Protein backbone atom coordinates (compact mmCIF):
# COMPACT_ATOMS: atom_id res chain seq x y z
CA MET A 1 0.04 0.01 0.09
CA ASN A 2 1.55 3.42 -1.13
CA TYR A 3 0.04 6.44 0.34
CA ASN A 4 1.08 10.20 -0.69
CA PRO A 5 2.08 11.43 2.92
CA LEU A 6 1.54 14.91 2.44
CA ALA A 7 -1.73 14.72 0.55
CA ALA A 8 -3.33 12.71 3.11
CA SER A 9 -2.09 14.96 5.83
CA ILE A 10 -3.56 17.99 4.41
CA ALA A 11 -6.72 16.34 3.12
CA LEU A 12 -7.40 14.89 6.80
CA LEU A 13 -6.64 18.06 8.72
CA ILE A 14 -8.68 20.01 6.79
CA ALA A 15 -11.79 17.21 7.22
CA ILE A 16 -11.24 16.76 11.10
CA GLN A 17 -11.16 20.13 12.20
CA PRO A 18 -14.43 20.89 13.01
CA SER A 19 -15.58 17.49 14.58
CA VAL A 20 -12.75 17.60 17.06
CA PHE A 21 -14.41 19.91 19.16
CA ALA A 22 -17.62 19.87 21.25
CA GLN A 23 -18.81 23.14 19.07
CA ASP A 24 -22.49 22.21 20.37
CA LYS A 25 -23.56 21.26 24.09
CA PRO A 26 -24.08 17.40 24.20
CA GLU A 27 -27.72 16.96 25.38
CA ALA A 28 -28.05 16.21 29.07
CA ASP A 29 -29.20 12.81 28.68
CA LYS A 30 -26.64 11.58 26.49
CA PRO A 31 -24.83 8.54 28.20
CA LEU A 32 -20.89 9.08 29.17
CA HIS A 33 -17.92 7.00 28.41
CA LYS A 34 -17.04 4.88 30.96
CA PHE A 35 -13.16 4.23 31.42
CA LEU A 36 -13.73 2.24 34.54
CA SER A 37 -15.70 -0.86 35.21
CA VAL A 38 -19.55 -0.17 36.03
CA ASP A 39 -20.99 -0.96 39.38
CA ASP A 40 -24.28 -2.92 38.09
CA LYS A 41 -23.35 -5.58 35.56
CA SER A 42 -27.00 -7.52 36.32
CA LYS A 43 -27.59 -6.78 32.48
CA LEU A 44 -24.29 -7.50 31.25
CA SER A 45 -22.84 -10.36 29.63
CA LEU A 46 -19.60 -12.38 31.29
CA ALA A 47 -17.87 -11.31 28.29
CA TYR A 48 -18.02 -7.93 29.49
CA THR A 49 -17.01 -8.91 33.15
CA LEU A 50 -14.16 -10.69 31.61
CA LEU A 51 -13.00 -7.83 29.92
CA ASP A 52 -13.07 -5.67 32.96
CA ILE A 53 -10.80 -8.42 34.71
CA CYS A 54 -8.23 -8.37 31.62
CA GLU A 55 -8.28 -4.29 31.62
CA GLU A 56 -7.63 -4.04 35.50
CA ALA A 57 -4.84 -6.91 35.19
CA ALA A 58 -3.52 -4.70 32.18
CA ALA A 59 -3.78 -1.48 34.53
CA LYS A 60 -1.47 -3.67 37.08
CA ASP A 61 1.13 -4.45 34.45
CA VAL A 62 1.37 -0.42 33.47
CA ASP A 63 1.84 -0.02 37.20
CA ARG A 64 4.66 -2.61 37.42
CA TYR A 65 6.41 -1.95 33.97
CA ASN A 66 5.41 1.67 32.75
CA ALA A 67 3.08 2.03 29.60
CA ARG A 68 4.36 -0.39 27.06
CA PRO A 69 1.15 0.25 24.36
CA THR A 70 2.70 -2.79 22.05
CA VAL A 71 2.78 -5.44 24.75
CA LEU A 72 -0.49 -4.64 26.05
CA ALA A 73 -1.91 -4.69 22.53
CA ARG A 74 -0.85 -8.10 22.22
CA GLN A 75 -1.54 -9.46 25.78
CA MET A 76 -5.33 -8.18 25.19
CA ALA A 77 -5.22 -9.85 21.84
CA ILE A 78 -4.12 -12.92 23.13
CA TRP A 79 -6.82 -12.87 25.92
CA ALA A 80 -9.54 -11.74 23.20
CA THR A 81 -8.63 -14.35 21.21
CA ALA A 82 -8.51 -17.26 23.61
CA VAL A 83 -11.98 -16.11 24.62
CA TYR A 84 -13.36 -15.91 21.03
CA ASP A 85 -12.04 -19.75 20.28
CA ALA A 86 -13.89 -20.94 23.30
CA TRP A 87 -16.85 -19.48 22.44
CA ALA A 88 -16.74 -20.55 18.94
CA ALA A 89 -17.07 -24.65 20.25
CA TYR A 90 -20.49 -23.65 21.53
CA ASP A 91 -21.50 -21.62 18.20
CA GLU A 92 -23.69 -23.23 15.19
CA LYS A 93 -21.29 -21.84 12.33
CA ALA A 94 -18.11 -20.30 13.99
CA VAL A 95 -14.46 -21.84 14.10
CA GLY A 96 -11.77 -20.85 16.34
CA THR A 97 -8.30 -19.36 14.99
CA ARG A 98 -5.97 -22.11 15.88
CA LEU A 99 -8.13 -25.16 16.01
CA GLY A 100 -10.84 -24.50 13.61
CA ALA A 101 -14.08 -26.60 14.59
CA THR A 102 -12.16 -29.23 16.21
CA LEU A 103 -13.49 -28.39 19.61
CA ARG A 104 -17.31 -27.88 17.93
CA ARG A 105 -19.86 -29.40 20.94
CA PRO A 106 -23.33 -30.77 19.90
CA LYS A 107 -26.21 -28.63 19.73
CA LYS A 108 -27.64 -29.70 22.86
CA GLU A 109 -24.59 -28.77 24.67
CA GLN A 110 -24.82 -25.00 23.10
CA THR A 111 -25.99 -23.56 25.83
CA LEU A 112 -25.25 -20.21 27.74
CA ALA A 113 -23.96 -21.87 30.92
CA ASN A 114 -21.31 -23.77 28.88
CA LYS A 115 -20.57 -20.96 26.76
CA GLN A 116 -20.17 -18.93 30.28
CA LYS A 117 -18.15 -21.56 31.68
CA ALA A 118 -15.56 -22.19 28.51
CA ILE A 119 -14.67 -18.44 28.22
CA ALA A 120 -14.15 -17.90 32.05
CA TYR A 121 -11.32 -20.71 31.70
CA ALA A 122 -9.81 -19.40 28.70
CA SER A 123 -9.89 -15.93 29.77
CA HIS A 124 -7.94 -16.88 33.12
CA HIS A 125 -5.56 -19.20 31.58
CA ALA A 126 -4.93 -16.56 28.70
CA LEU A 127 -4.43 -14.00 31.57
CA MET A 128 -2.26 -16.03 33.67
CA PHE A 129 -0.04 -16.78 30.56
CA VAL A 130 0.49 -12.79 29.76
CA TYR A 131 0.07 -11.34 33.12
CA PRO A 132 1.52 -14.21 35.65
CA GLU A 133 2.35 -11.28 38.48
CA SER A 134 -1.36 -10.78 38.97
CA LYS A 135 -1.90 -14.55 40.26
CA GLU A 136 -3.28 -13.90 43.21
CA TYR A 137 -5.96 -11.21 41.41
CA LEU A 138 -6.66 -13.34 38.75
CA GLU A 139 -7.63 -16.51 40.92
CA GLY A 140 -9.57 -14.28 43.58
CA GLU A 141 -11.61 -12.83 40.54
CA MET A 142 -12.38 -16.44 39.17
CA LYS A 143 -13.53 -17.24 42.79
CA LYS A 144 -16.02 -14.27 42.61
CA LEU A 145 -17.77 -15.37 39.47
CA GLY A 146 -18.19 -19.27 40.85
CA PHE A 147 -15.42 -20.66 39.09
CA ASP A 148 -12.53 -22.89 40.54
CA PRO A 149 -9.33 -21.61 38.93
CA SER A 150 -7.46 -24.54 40.56
CA ILE A 151 -9.70 -26.80 38.08
CA ILE A 152 -6.95 -28.23 35.11
CA SER A 153 -8.87 -29.77 32.16
CA LYS A 154 -8.25 -31.16 28.62
CA ASP A 155 -11.30 -32.86 28.27
CA PRO A 156 -13.22 -31.65 25.15
CA LYS A 157 -16.40 -32.74 26.33
CA LYS A 158 -16.82 -30.31 29.19
CA PRO A 159 -16.80 -26.78 29.22
CA GLU A 160 -13.67 -25.73 31.09
CA GLY A 161 -11.78 -28.20 29.23
CA VAL A 162 -12.73 -26.46 25.93
CA GLY A 163 -11.85 -23.02 27.58
CA GLN A 164 -8.24 -24.46 28.34
CA LEU A 165 -7.57 -26.16 25.17
CA ALA A 166 -8.85 -23.03 23.24
CA ALA A 167 -6.53 -20.82 25.55
CA ALA A 168 -3.42 -23.46 25.10
CA ALA A 169 -3.34 -23.52 21.44
CA VAL A 170 -3.60 -19.61 21.06
CA ILE A 171 -1.04 -19.55 23.71
CA GLU A 172 1.19 -21.93 22.02
CA TYR A 173 0.87 -19.97 18.64
CA ARG A 174 2.20 -16.73 20.77
CA ARG A 175 5.05 -17.86 22.70
CA HIS A 176 7.36 -17.58 20.22
CA ASP A 177 5.63 -14.53 17.75
CA GLY A 178 8.62 -12.37 17.39
CA SER A 179 7.27 -10.32 20.72
CA ASN A 180 10.18 -11.89 22.80
CA GLN A 181 7.86 -12.11 25.80
CA PHE A 182 10.31 -14.16 27.89
CA GLY A 183 13.70 -12.46 26.18
CA ASP A 184 15.27 -15.44 24.54
CA GLU A 185 15.49 -14.72 21.24
CA ALA A 186 18.69 -14.87 19.38
CA GLY A 187 20.37 -11.39 19.91
CA THR A 188 18.63 -10.72 23.05
CA VAL A 189 21.09 -8.94 25.69
CA GLY A 190 19.96 -9.77 29.57
CA ALA A 191 16.71 -11.97 28.87
CA LYS A 192 14.85 -9.04 29.59
CA PRO A 193 11.09 -9.66 28.61
CA TYR A 194 9.67 -8.05 25.33
CA SER A 195 13.27 -6.48 24.67
CA ASP A 196 14.83 -5.68 21.60
CA TYR A 197 17.27 -8.42 19.91
CA THR A 198 17.20 -6.16 16.63
CA PHE A 199 20.24 -3.97 17.31
CA TYR A 200 18.49 -0.63 17.12
CA ALA A 201 20.74 2.33 18.24
CA PRO A 202 19.65 6.16 18.15
CA VAL A 203 21.16 8.42 15.89
CA ASN A 204 20.69 11.35 18.70
CA THR A 205 21.30 11.32 21.99
CA PRO A 206 19.08 13.39 24.92
CA ASP A 207 21.45 16.10 25.17
CA LYS A 208 22.74 16.50 21.31
CA ILE A 209 20.58 16.84 18.03
CA ASN A 210 22.73 15.12 15.40
CA ASP A 211 20.43 14.76 12.80
CA PRO A 212 17.14 16.18 13.50
CA ASP A 213 14.99 13.70 10.68
CA HIS A 214 15.36 11.19 13.39
CA TRP A 215 14.06 10.44 16.87
CA GLN A 216 15.99 11.37 19.92
CA PRO A 217 15.34 9.93 23.42
CA ILE A 218 14.10 12.50 25.89
CA THR A 219 15.12 12.35 29.74
CA PHE A 220 12.36 11.98 32.13
CA THR A 221 11.85 13.15 35.88
CA LYS A 222 10.18 11.08 38.14
CA PRO A 223 8.08 12.59 41.18
CA ASP A 224 11.23 11.64 43.32
CA GLY A 225 13.53 13.61 41.20
CA THR A 226 15.19 10.90 39.81
CA LYS A 227 16.02 10.63 36.09
CA VAL A 228 15.56 8.08 33.36
CA THR A 229 16.11 8.15 29.38
CA PRO A 230 13.83 5.36 28.07
CA GLY A 231 14.97 3.78 24.70
CA PHE A 232 13.08 3.29 22.07
CA LEU A 233 10.26 0.83 23.09
CA THR A 234 9.93 -2.66 21.36
CA PRO A 235 11.77 -1.39 18.66
CA HIS A 236 11.98 -4.96 17.27
CA TRP A 237 7.69 -5.15 16.73
CA TYR A 238 7.81 -5.28 13.41
CA ARG A 239 8.85 -8.65 13.51
CA VAL A 240 5.60 -9.78 15.68
CA LYS A 241 3.20 -12.37 13.79
CA PRO A 242 0.41 -10.42 12.99
CA PHE A 243 -3.28 -11.68 13.33
CA ALA A 244 -4.78 -10.91 10.26
CA LEU A 245 -2.32 -8.74 8.27
CA GLU A 246 -0.08 -10.51 5.34
CA ASN A 247 3.02 -8.95 7.13
CA SER A 248 3.91 -5.99 8.87
CA ALA A 249 5.03 -3.63 5.96
CA GLN A 250 1.65 -4.57 4.04
CA PHE A 251 0.25 -1.32 4.87
CA ARG A 252 3.82 0.88 5.37
CA PRO A 253 2.88 4.62 3.68
CA GLY A 254 5.61 6.73 2.00
CA PRO A 255 8.01 8.49 3.99
CA PRO A 256 7.03 11.41 5.90
CA PRO A 257 8.89 15.15 4.87
CA LEU A 258 12.41 15.53 6.05
CA LEU A 259 14.73 18.65 6.54
CA THR A 260 16.99 17.41 3.94
CA LYS A 261 14.25 16.89 1.19
CA ASP A 262 11.17 19.15 2.22
CA ALA A 263 12.47 21.39 5.08
CA GLU A 264 9.58 24.22 4.50
CA THR A 265 6.85 21.39 5.20
CA LEU A 266 8.44 19.91 8.14
CA LYS A 267 8.83 23.15 9.12
CA LYS A 268 5.04 24.22 8.83
CA GLU A 269 3.95 20.96 10.55
CA ALA A 270 6.23 21.80 13.39
CA ASP A 271 4.63 25.44 13.49
CA GLN A 272 1.48 23.85 13.82
CA VAL A 273 2.27 22.21 16.79
CA LEU A 274 3.93 25.15 17.89
CA GLU A 275 0.61 27.21 17.65
CA TYR A 276 -1.41 24.56 18.99
CA ASN A 277 0.86 24.56 21.99
CA ALA A 278 0.75 28.92 22.42
CA LYS A 279 -2.71 29.03 22.34
CA LEU A 280 -4.69 25.61 23.79
CA THR A 281 -8.01 25.68 24.86
CA ASN A 282 -9.52 24.44 28.21
CA GLU A 283 -11.57 22.11 25.48
CA GLN A 284 -8.76 20.97 23.72
CA LYS A 285 -6.74 20.27 27.03
CA ALA A 286 -9.74 18.15 27.77
CA VAL A 287 -9.11 16.28 24.27
CA VAL A 288 -5.60 16.02 24.71
CA GLU A 289 -6.09 14.52 28.34
CA PHE A 290 -8.87 11.95 27.19
CA MET A 291 -7.19 10.98 24.76
CA ARG A 292 -3.90 9.73 27.01
CA ASP A 293 -6.36 6.99 27.91
CA GLY A 294 -6.03 7.10 31.43
CA PRO A 295 -7.11 7.15 34.27
CA ARG A 296 -6.17 3.47 34.78
CA SER A 297 -4.35 3.53 31.72
CA THR A 298 -4.06 0.49 29.16
CA GLY A 299 -2.97 2.27 25.94
CA GLN A 300 -5.18 2.58 23.03
CA SER A 301 -5.97 -0.82 23.07
CA GLY A 302 -7.72 -1.00 26.38
CA HIS A 303 -9.24 2.43 25.86
CA TRP A 304 -10.91 0.98 22.65
CA LEU A 305 -12.27 -1.91 23.97
CA ARG A 306 -13.68 0.36 26.50
CA PHE A 307 -15.34 2.01 24.00
CA ALA A 308 -16.23 -1.58 22.94
CA GLN A 309 -17.99 -1.82 26.36
CA ASP A 310 -20.30 1.59 25.94
CA VAL A 311 -21.53 -0.18 22.29
CA SER A 312 -22.07 -3.63 25.01
CA ARG A 313 -23.89 -1.08 26.95
CA ARG A 314 -25.73 0.81 24.60
CA ASP A 315 -27.18 -2.21 22.46
CA LYS A 316 -27.72 -4.27 25.12
CA GLN A 317 -25.44 -6.85 23.49
CA SER A 318 -25.66 -10.64 23.94
CA LEU A 319 -22.56 -12.81 25.08
CA ASP A 320 -22.09 -13.94 21.75
CA LYS A 321 -22.05 -10.34 20.21
CA ASP A 322 -19.83 -9.20 22.79
CA VAL A 323 -16.96 -12.06 22.43
CA GLN A 324 -17.32 -10.93 18.51
CA LEU A 325 -16.94 -7.55 19.08
CA TYR A 326 -13.70 -7.56 21.65
CA PHE A 327 -12.22 -10.15 19.57
CA GLY A 328 -12.51 -7.60 16.63
CA VAL A 329 -11.74 -4.94 18.22
CA ALA A 330 -8.44 -6.10 19.67
CA ASN A 331 -6.75 -7.71 17.13
CA ALA A 332 -7.42 -4.63 14.99
CA ALA A 333 -5.52 -3.23 17.70
CA PHE A 334 -2.67 -5.61 17.88
CA ASP A 335 -2.57 -5.46 14.05
CA ALA A 336 -2.32 -1.55 13.75
CA PHE A 337 0.34 -1.51 16.27
CA ILE A 338 2.78 -4.13 14.51
CA SER A 339 2.09 -1.82 11.41
CA CYS A 340 3.09 1.14 12.83
CA TRP A 341 5.85 -0.20 14.46
CA GLU A 342 7.20 -1.21 11.27
CA THR A 343 6.78 2.36 9.89
CA LYS A 344 8.43 4.09 12.63
CA ARG A 345 11.49 1.57 12.74
CA VAL A 346 11.77 1.89 8.77
CA TYR A 347 11.39 5.71 8.91
CA ASP A 348 12.88 6.48 12.68
CA SER A 349 11.41 9.95 12.39
CA SER A 350 11.74 12.80 14.76
CA ARG A 351 8.98 14.44 17.23
CA PRO A 352 8.10 18.00 18.10
CA TRP A 353 10.25 17.94 20.89
CA THR A 354 13.15 17.32 18.60
CA LEU A 355 11.86 19.98 15.62
CA ILE A 356 11.04 22.70 17.61
CA HIS A 357 14.19 22.46 19.50
CA HIS A 358 16.15 22.40 16.11
CA PHE A 359 13.86 24.95 14.50
CA TYR A 360 13.95 27.58 17.16
CA LYS A 361 17.09 27.37 18.76
CA GLY A 362 18.30 30.65 19.88
CA GLN A 363 14.62 32.01 19.41
CA LYS A 364 12.02 33.53 21.11
CA ILE A 365 8.90 31.70 21.16
CA THR A 366 5.61 31.55 23.21
CA GLY A 367 4.59 28.28 24.67
CA TRP A 368 2.81 26.26 27.40
CA ALA A 369 4.24 27.76 30.91
CA GLY A 370 4.29 24.08 32.72
CA PRO A 371 2.12 22.87 35.39
CA GLU A 372 1.27 26.50 36.78
CA GLY A 373 -0.72 26.73 33.53
CA GLY A 374 -0.85 29.64 31.02
CA THR A 375 1.54 30.46 28.76
CA LYS A 376 5.16 32.27 28.39
CA GLU A 377 7.89 33.64 25.83
CA MET A 378 10.51 31.20 26.21
CA ASN A 379 13.77 29.90 24.27
CA GLY A 380 13.13 27.69 21.46
CA GLU A 381 15.15 24.74 22.89
CA GLU A 382 12.78 25.39 26.34
CA TRP A 383 9.75 24.32 24.46
CA HIS A 384 8.11 21.75 26.27
CA PRO A 385 4.54 19.84 24.97
CA TYR A 386 1.53 19.67 27.22
CA SER A 387 2.43 16.77 29.18
CA PRO A 388 3.91 16.11 32.54
CA GLU A 389 8.03 15.91 33.29
CA VAL A 390 7.24 12.40 34.34
CA PHE A 391 6.24 11.52 30.85
CA ILE A 392 7.32 14.17 28.35
CA THR A 393 6.66 12.27 24.73
CA PRO A 394 6.27 8.60 24.06
CA PRO A 395 9.57 7.32 23.69
CA PHE A 396 9.79 5.75 20.45
CA PRO A 397 9.75 7.64 16.78
CA GLY A 398 6.74 9.95 15.52
CA TYR A 399 5.78 8.53 12.12
CA THR A 400 3.23 7.37 12.51
CA SER A 401 1.09 7.69 15.16
CA GLY A 402 -0.23 4.94 17.05
CA HIS A 403 -2.66 6.56 18.95
CA ALA A 404 -4.38 7.67 15.56
CA THR A 405 -3.47 4.39 13.74
CA VAL A 406 -5.09 2.25 16.33
CA SER A 407 -7.80 4.46 16.57
CA GLY A 408 -8.48 4.79 12.91
CA ALA A 409 -8.54 0.71 13.00
CA CYS A 410 -10.69 0.14 15.95
CA ALA A 411 -13.06 2.58 15.16
CA LYS A 412 -13.52 1.47 11.85
CA ILE A 413 -14.40 -2.29 12.90
CA ILE A 414 -17.05 -0.84 15.66
CA GLU A 415 -18.74 0.44 12.85
CA LEU A 416 -18.20 -2.33 10.55
CA PHE A 417 -19.80 -4.50 13.32
CA THR A 418 -22.38 -2.58 14.32
CA GLY A 419 -23.65 -1.31 10.99
CA SER A 420 -23.43 2.16 11.78
CA ASP A 421 -20.79 4.93 12.60
CA LYS A 422 -23.23 6.48 15.33
CA TYR A 423 -21.82 6.45 18.77
CA GLY A 424 -23.83 9.19 20.74
CA PHE A 425 -22.02 9.37 24.06
CA ALA A 426 -20.03 12.04 25.67
CA GLU A 427 -16.65 12.39 28.05
CA ARG A 428 -17.14 14.46 30.96
CA ARG A 429 -13.65 15.39 32.58
CA LYS A 430 -12.05 18.56 34.25
CA HIS A 431 -10.22 19.78 31.21
CA CYS A 432 -6.50 19.79 33.03
CA GLU A 433 -6.28 17.59 36.15
CA LEU A 434 -3.46 15.37 34.20
CA THR A 435 -1.24 17.64 33.50
CA GLU A 436 -1.61 21.03 35.82
CA LYS A 437 -1.89 21.54 39.24
CA ASN A 438 -5.48 23.20 39.01
CA GLY A 439 -7.52 20.49 38.04
CA GLY A 440 -9.70 22.90 35.98
CA GLU A 441 -13.25 23.24 34.95
CA MET A 442 -15.03 20.73 33.71
CA MET A 443 -15.80 19.55 30.32
CA THR A 444 -17.69 18.04 28.09
CA LEU A 445 -16.55 16.21 25.07
CA ASP A 446 -19.30 15.44 22.26
CA LEU A 447 -18.60 12.29 20.70
CA PRO A 448 -21.42 11.42 18.38
CA THR A 449 -19.45 9.00 15.87
CA TRP A 450 -16.78 6.55 15.78
CA SER A 451 -15.44 8.09 12.68
CA GLY A 452 -15.32 11.22 14.39
CA THR A 453 -13.80 9.90 17.93
CA ALA A 454 -10.85 8.48 15.88
CA GLU A 455 -10.20 11.92 14.57
CA MET A 456 -10.16 12.99 18.04
CA ALA A 457 -7.85 11.06 19.32
CA ALA A 458 -5.37 11.47 16.12
CA GLN A 459 -5.67 15.43 16.24
CA SER A 460 -5.35 15.19 19.93
CA ARG A 461 -1.58 14.06 19.44
CA ALA A 462 -0.56 17.32 17.66
CA MET A 463 -2.64 19.44 20.21
CA GLY A 464 -0.33 18.01 22.67
CA GLY A 465 2.70 18.33 21.07
CA TYR A 466 3.69 14.67 20.56
CA HIS A 467 3.40 14.36 16.89
CA ILE A 468 3.38 16.64 13.94
CA PRO A 469 0.04 16.39 12.47
CA ILE A 470 1.11 13.98 9.21
CA ASP A 471 1.97 11.60 11.78
CA ASN A 472 -1.75 11.46 12.92
CA ASN A 473 -3.27 12.55 9.42
CA VAL A 474 -1.43 9.54 7.61
CA GLY A 475 -1.82 7.16 10.77
CA LEU A 476 -5.45 7.62 10.78
CA LYS A 477 -5.87 6.78 7.18
CA VAL A 478 -3.54 3.62 7.35
CA GLY A 479 -5.41 2.18 10.42
CA ARG A 480 -9.10 2.64 8.32
CA GLU A 481 -7.59 0.93 5.31
CA LEU A 482 -6.17 -2.10 7.53
CA ALA A 483 -9.38 -2.50 9.55
CA THR A 484 -11.28 -2.28 6.01
CA TRP A 485 -9.13 -4.97 4.61
CA SER A 486 -9.10 -6.71 7.52
CA TRP A 487 -12.95 -7.27 8.39
CA PRO A 488 -13.66 -9.96 5.82
CA LYS A 489 -11.58 -12.08 7.71
CA TYR A 490 -12.92 -12.05 10.78
CA GLN A 491 -16.33 -12.61 9.20
CA GLU A 492 -14.91 -15.51 7.93
CA TYR A 493 -14.44 -16.92 11.39
CA PHE A 494 -17.58 -15.67 12.58
CA ALA A 495 -19.44 -17.74 9.51
CA GLY A 496 -17.25 -20.52 9.67
CA THR A 497 -15.19 -20.43 6.44
CA ALA A 498 -11.99 -19.43 7.88
CA LYS A 499 -8.71 -21.95 7.53
CA VAL A 500 -6.34 -22.09 10.43
CA ARG A 501 -3.24 -19.85 9.73
CA ASN A 502 0.10 -21.19 10.04
């Protein structure tokens, strides 16, 4: 797939501008997006509850290891695929991704109770594989649901056996899928899980811009005052085996503008970020913080699975529909990250942090003043994105944006699954509570459509100062194209015509 990035950037920037902001006040009775678990689950499916457990286990993983969006997406895709494969055994047509129709149970056994037990055990074993440190939490949640986590079964005639067999097949397929989960790939230094084994090395250092066309590591300051300089997070992710894609380079776009080839365009891109930063409205700050995926942050994959749960509640979906939707969204996010990281690795492009410091070194500019709020005049090399010192900018190259790519893909999957672009929810939040000392006034962000919500996510990254616009606009386009191409493959699984992938 070849795109003209500049043309895509201009077209999409024009297209998304009006929909990003809540120009009209949402109706008072519009349902609110839920970042966290809802209290009353009496009318929700077990799949919804199991996703809540997955989300909390993912949040605990972030607490332990910080945000690793690529890793989180893979973890959630493994969970969703194991749950789907177990459920498929009790559906009349659907086939599993690893064992096909071999686990199919007779029609008389295709009951809600059997589906629930099968997916509960598939969920538990998948989550134990990706989140072993959360063993106590996961076992406790199983017990709360009335299931014994100590039961081990490989009996395909029992739902607990079906669930564990389905999970085991997915786990075995993913054990050495290129992610380096166990730190045992050839080339790994120190046997650290998910670490690089492809010998990536940055061109720039935190203190010196050797080439502004390339990514630069940034030093963060922790709350206790200590400094840390993260490297490129999972630079090997282009080697991870995708779910539906043919290969990680399938949707690679053309190159971004470079200082050496198109300095004028690149500076215009940086200037757009600088303008946002100097004139951020309260509403724009609320958008930036909303799309950072908090408060129990589980990355873009976790956030879009929360959006999928909004569909579950809105449409009063059955367990069958919930399983299918979560399966599609989780794997679309997983593939989108693989595609996006292949692009990041190939182009190794810089972010606004580097570009603005380079273009405006020694010059006076106006920018965000920091946690106290407001703006101030500063030297160009002092410019700072709208973000706290503990996480200034995500530690990996800019082009293309992971937020935009994943949002484009997941929003499109939800639209295709539901048959409509209508979302119809809103987000309520204090506009700067994650970044400034004063949490600010309460804002309402209107979310009328899935496409508009994805566009909001994309543009938020330029408004926050983490990406130049082209990173987001091309990423959004790639994500949508990726999902549209992949959707028939999900339908084949649901219809029972899919073949098991090697």
